[in-house]
N, C-alpha and C. Protein backbone atom coordinates (compact mmCIF):
# COMPACT_ATOMS: atom_id res chain seq x y z
N MET A 1 54.94 -35.51 20.80
CA MET A 1 53.98 -35.70 21.87
C MET A 1 52.92 -34.60 21.75
N ASN A 2 51.64 -35.00 21.80
CA ASN A 2 50.58 -34.01 21.69
C ASN A 2 50.33 -33.33 23.03
N ASN A 3 49.47 -32.31 23.03
CA ASN A 3 49.21 -31.54 24.24
C ASN A 3 48.67 -32.38 25.38
N ASN A 4 47.76 -33.31 25.06
CA ASN A 4 47.23 -34.20 26.10
C ASN A 4 48.35 -35.01 26.73
N SER A 5 49.24 -35.55 25.91
CA SER A 5 50.34 -36.37 26.40
C SER A 5 51.26 -35.55 27.30
N GLN A 6 51.56 -34.33 26.89
CA GLN A 6 52.43 -33.47 27.69
C GLN A 6 51.82 -33.19 29.06
N LYS A 7 50.50 -32.99 29.07
CA LYS A 7 49.80 -32.70 30.32
C LYS A 7 49.91 -33.89 31.29
N TYR A 8 49.80 -35.09 30.75
CA TYR A 8 49.81 -36.29 31.58
C TYR A 8 51.20 -36.79 31.92
N TYR A 9 52.21 -36.38 31.17
CA TYR A 9 53.55 -36.93 31.33
C TYR A 9 54.07 -36.80 32.76
N LYS A 10 53.84 -35.65 33.36
CA LYS A 10 54.36 -35.40 34.71
C LYS A 10 53.44 -35.92 35.80
N SER A 11 52.19 -36.22 35.47
CA SER A 11 51.27 -36.62 36.52
C SER A 11 51.04 -38.13 36.59
N ILE A 12 50.87 -38.80 35.45
CA ILE A 12 50.66 -40.24 35.52
C ILE A 12 51.98 -40.95 35.25
N PHE A 13 52.15 -42.06 35.86
CA PHE A 13 53.36 -42.87 35.74
C PHE A 13 54.61 -42.13 36.22
N LYS A 14 54.44 -41.21 37.18
CA LYS A 14 55.59 -40.43 37.66
C LYS A 14 56.62 -41.30 38.37
N ASP A 15 56.22 -42.48 38.84
CA ASP A 15 57.15 -43.37 39.53
C ASP A 15 57.91 -44.29 38.58
N TYR A 16 57.63 -44.18 37.29
CA TYR A 16 58.30 -45.02 36.30
C TYR A 16 59.43 -44.24 35.64
N PRO A 17 60.49 -44.94 35.22
CA PRO A 17 61.58 -44.25 34.50
C PRO A 17 61.10 -43.79 33.13
N ASP A 18 61.91 -42.96 32.48
CA ASP A 18 61.56 -42.44 31.16
C ASP A 18 61.52 -43.53 30.09
N VAL A 19 62.27 -44.60 30.30
CA VAL A 19 62.28 -45.75 29.39
C VAL A 19 61.96 -46.99 30.21
N VAL A 20 60.93 -47.72 29.78
CA VAL A 20 60.49 -48.89 30.54
C VAL A 20 60.69 -50.17 29.74
N ASN A 21 60.60 -51.30 30.45
CA ASN A 21 60.69 -52.60 29.80
C ASN A 21 59.29 -53.20 29.69
N VAL A 22 59.20 -54.40 29.16
CA VAL A 22 57.90 -55.03 28.91
C VAL A 22 57.15 -55.28 30.22
N LYS A 23 57.84 -55.73 31.24
CA LYS A 23 57.19 -55.99 32.54
C LYS A 23 56.57 -54.71 33.10
N GLN A 24 57.29 -53.61 33.02
CA GLN A 24 56.75 -52.34 33.49
C GLN A 24 55.59 -51.88 32.62
N LEU A 25 55.69 -52.11 31.31
CA LEU A 25 54.60 -51.77 30.40
C LEU A 25 53.33 -52.53 30.78
N GLN A 26 53.47 -53.80 31.10
CA GLN A 26 52.32 -54.60 31.52
C GLN A 26 51.63 -53.97 32.72
N THR A 27 52.41 -53.56 33.69
CA THR A 27 51.86 -52.93 34.89
C THR A 27 51.21 -51.59 34.58
N MET A 28 51.87 -50.80 33.74
CA MET A 28 51.34 -49.49 33.38
C MET A 28 49.98 -49.59 32.69
N LEU A 29 49.78 -50.68 31.95
CA LEU A 29 48.53 -50.87 31.22
C LEU A 29 47.54 -51.74 31.98
N GLY A 30 47.66 -51.75 33.28
CA GLY A 30 46.67 -52.40 34.12
C GLY A 30 46.86 -53.89 34.31
N GLY A 31 48.07 -54.37 34.14
CA GLY A 31 48.33 -55.79 34.37
C GLY A 31 47.98 -56.67 33.18
N ILE A 32 48.17 -56.13 31.97
CA ILE A 32 47.88 -56.94 30.78
C ILE A 32 48.84 -58.12 30.69
N SER A 33 48.50 -59.09 29.89
CA SER A 33 49.34 -60.27 29.75
C SER A 33 50.61 -59.94 28.97
N LYS A 34 51.62 -60.77 29.16
CA LYS A 34 52.87 -60.60 28.44
C LYS A 34 52.63 -60.74 26.93
N LYS A 35 51.76 -61.67 26.55
CA LYS A 35 51.46 -61.89 25.14
C LYS A 35 50.85 -60.63 24.51
N LEU A 36 49.89 -60.02 25.20
CA LEU A 36 49.28 -58.80 24.69
C LEU A 36 50.29 -57.67 24.60
N ALA A 37 51.15 -57.54 25.60
CA ALA A 37 52.17 -56.49 25.59
C ALA A 37 53.08 -56.65 24.37
N TYR A 38 53.54 -57.87 24.12
CA TYR A 38 54.40 -58.11 22.96
C TYR A 38 53.65 -57.87 21.65
N ASN A 39 52.37 -58.23 21.59
CA ASN A 39 51.59 -57.97 20.39
C ASN A 39 51.46 -56.48 20.12
N LEU A 40 51.23 -55.68 21.16
CA LEU A 40 51.14 -54.23 20.99
C LEU A 40 52.45 -53.66 20.45
N LEU A 41 53.57 -54.20 20.90
CA LEU A 41 54.87 -53.72 20.45
C LEU A 41 55.19 -54.20 19.04
N LYS A 42 54.97 -55.48 18.78
CA LYS A 42 55.30 -56.05 17.47
C LYS A 42 54.45 -55.45 16.36
N ASN A 43 53.21 -55.09 16.66
CA ASN A 43 52.32 -54.52 15.66
C ASN A 43 52.35 -52.99 15.65
N ASN A 44 53.33 -52.42 16.34
CA ASN A 44 53.58 -50.97 16.35
C ASN A 44 52.41 -50.13 16.85
N PHE A 45 51.59 -50.69 17.74
CA PHE A 45 50.58 -49.87 18.41
C PHE A 45 51.25 -48.95 19.42
N ILE A 46 52.36 -49.42 19.99
CA ILE A 46 53.19 -48.62 20.89
C ILE A 46 54.59 -48.63 20.30
N ASN A 47 55.15 -47.44 20.09
CA ASN A 47 56.50 -47.35 19.55
C ASN A 47 57.50 -47.90 20.56
N SER A 48 58.52 -48.57 20.03
CA SER A 48 59.56 -49.13 20.89
C SER A 48 60.81 -49.36 20.05
N ILE A 49 61.90 -49.66 20.74
CA ILE A 49 63.09 -50.12 20.06
C ILE A 49 63.47 -51.45 20.68
N LYS A 50 64.12 -52.27 19.89
CA LYS A 50 64.55 -53.57 20.38
C LYS A 50 66.07 -53.58 20.42
N ILE A 51 66.61 -53.85 21.58
CA ILE A 51 68.05 -53.93 21.77
C ILE A 51 68.34 -55.37 22.16
N GLY A 52 68.97 -56.08 21.25
CA GLY A 52 69.17 -57.50 21.48
C GLY A 52 67.83 -58.19 21.52
N ARG A 53 67.51 -58.81 22.63
CA ARG A 53 66.23 -59.50 22.79
C ARG A 53 65.23 -58.69 23.62
N GLN A 54 65.62 -57.49 24.04
CA GLN A 54 64.77 -56.71 24.93
C GLN A 54 64.15 -55.50 24.23
N TYR A 55 62.89 -55.26 24.53
CA TYR A 55 62.21 -54.06 24.05
C TYR A 55 62.41 -52.95 25.07
N LYS A 56 62.62 -51.75 24.56
CA LYS A 56 62.70 -50.54 25.38
C LYS A 56 61.61 -49.61 24.88
N ILE A 57 60.79 -49.13 25.81
CA ILE A 57 59.63 -48.33 25.45
C ILE A 57 59.71 -47.00 26.19
N ALA A 58 59.62 -45.91 25.45
CA ALA A 58 59.61 -44.59 26.08
C ALA A 58 58.28 -44.39 26.81
N LYS A 59 58.36 -43.89 28.02
CA LYS A 59 57.14 -43.61 28.80
C LYS A 59 56.21 -42.69 28.02
N ALA A 60 56.77 -41.75 27.29
CA ALA A 60 55.96 -40.83 26.48
C ALA A 60 55.15 -41.59 25.43
N ASP A 61 55.70 -42.68 24.89
CA ASP A 61 54.97 -43.47 23.89
C ASP A 61 53.83 -44.26 24.52
N VAL A 62 53.99 -44.67 25.76
CA VAL A 62 52.91 -45.35 26.47
C VAL A 62 51.77 -44.36 26.70
N ILE A 63 52.11 -43.16 27.13
CA ILE A 63 51.09 -42.13 27.36
C ILE A 63 50.41 -41.76 26.05
N LEU A 64 51.19 -41.65 24.99
CA LEU A 64 50.61 -41.34 23.68
C LEU A 64 49.62 -42.43 23.26
N TYR A 65 49.98 -43.68 23.47
CA TYR A 65 49.08 -44.80 23.16
C TYR A 65 47.76 -44.68 23.94
N LEU A 66 47.85 -44.31 25.20
CA LEU A 66 46.67 -44.21 26.05
C LEU A 66 45.80 -43.00 25.73
N THR A 67 46.41 -41.94 25.22
CA THR A 67 45.65 -40.71 25.01
C THR A 67 45.23 -40.47 23.56
N GLN A 68 45.77 -41.26 22.65
CA GLN A 68 45.40 -41.03 21.24
C GLN A 68 43.98 -41.53 20.99
N ASN A 69 43.36 -40.98 19.97
CA ASN A 69 41.99 -41.33 19.62
C ASN A 69 42.00 -42.51 18.68
N ASN A 70 41.57 -43.67 19.16
CA ASN A 70 41.47 -44.88 18.34
C ASN A 70 40.02 -45.12 17.97
N SER A 71 39.53 -44.33 17.05
CA SER A 71 38.12 -44.43 16.69
C SER A 71 37.82 -45.53 15.68
N SER A 72 38.85 -46.19 15.17
CA SER A 72 38.61 -47.24 14.16
C SER A 72 38.34 -48.56 14.79
């Protein structure tokens, strides 16, 4: 986790658990569609693990996705 991510970890998404599911990810990213959420996960834009049929996403990885520089 970079310095920006560490700074935001305790302030944004403080009401979310450390590991979230796809529905929570959708809400965290402003109500994106389920299809977009799954595309972000499947294409490794946001790190996650898959347990059975469910994705588990670390809150830190969501913050990292939001704070990283995507200049391309």
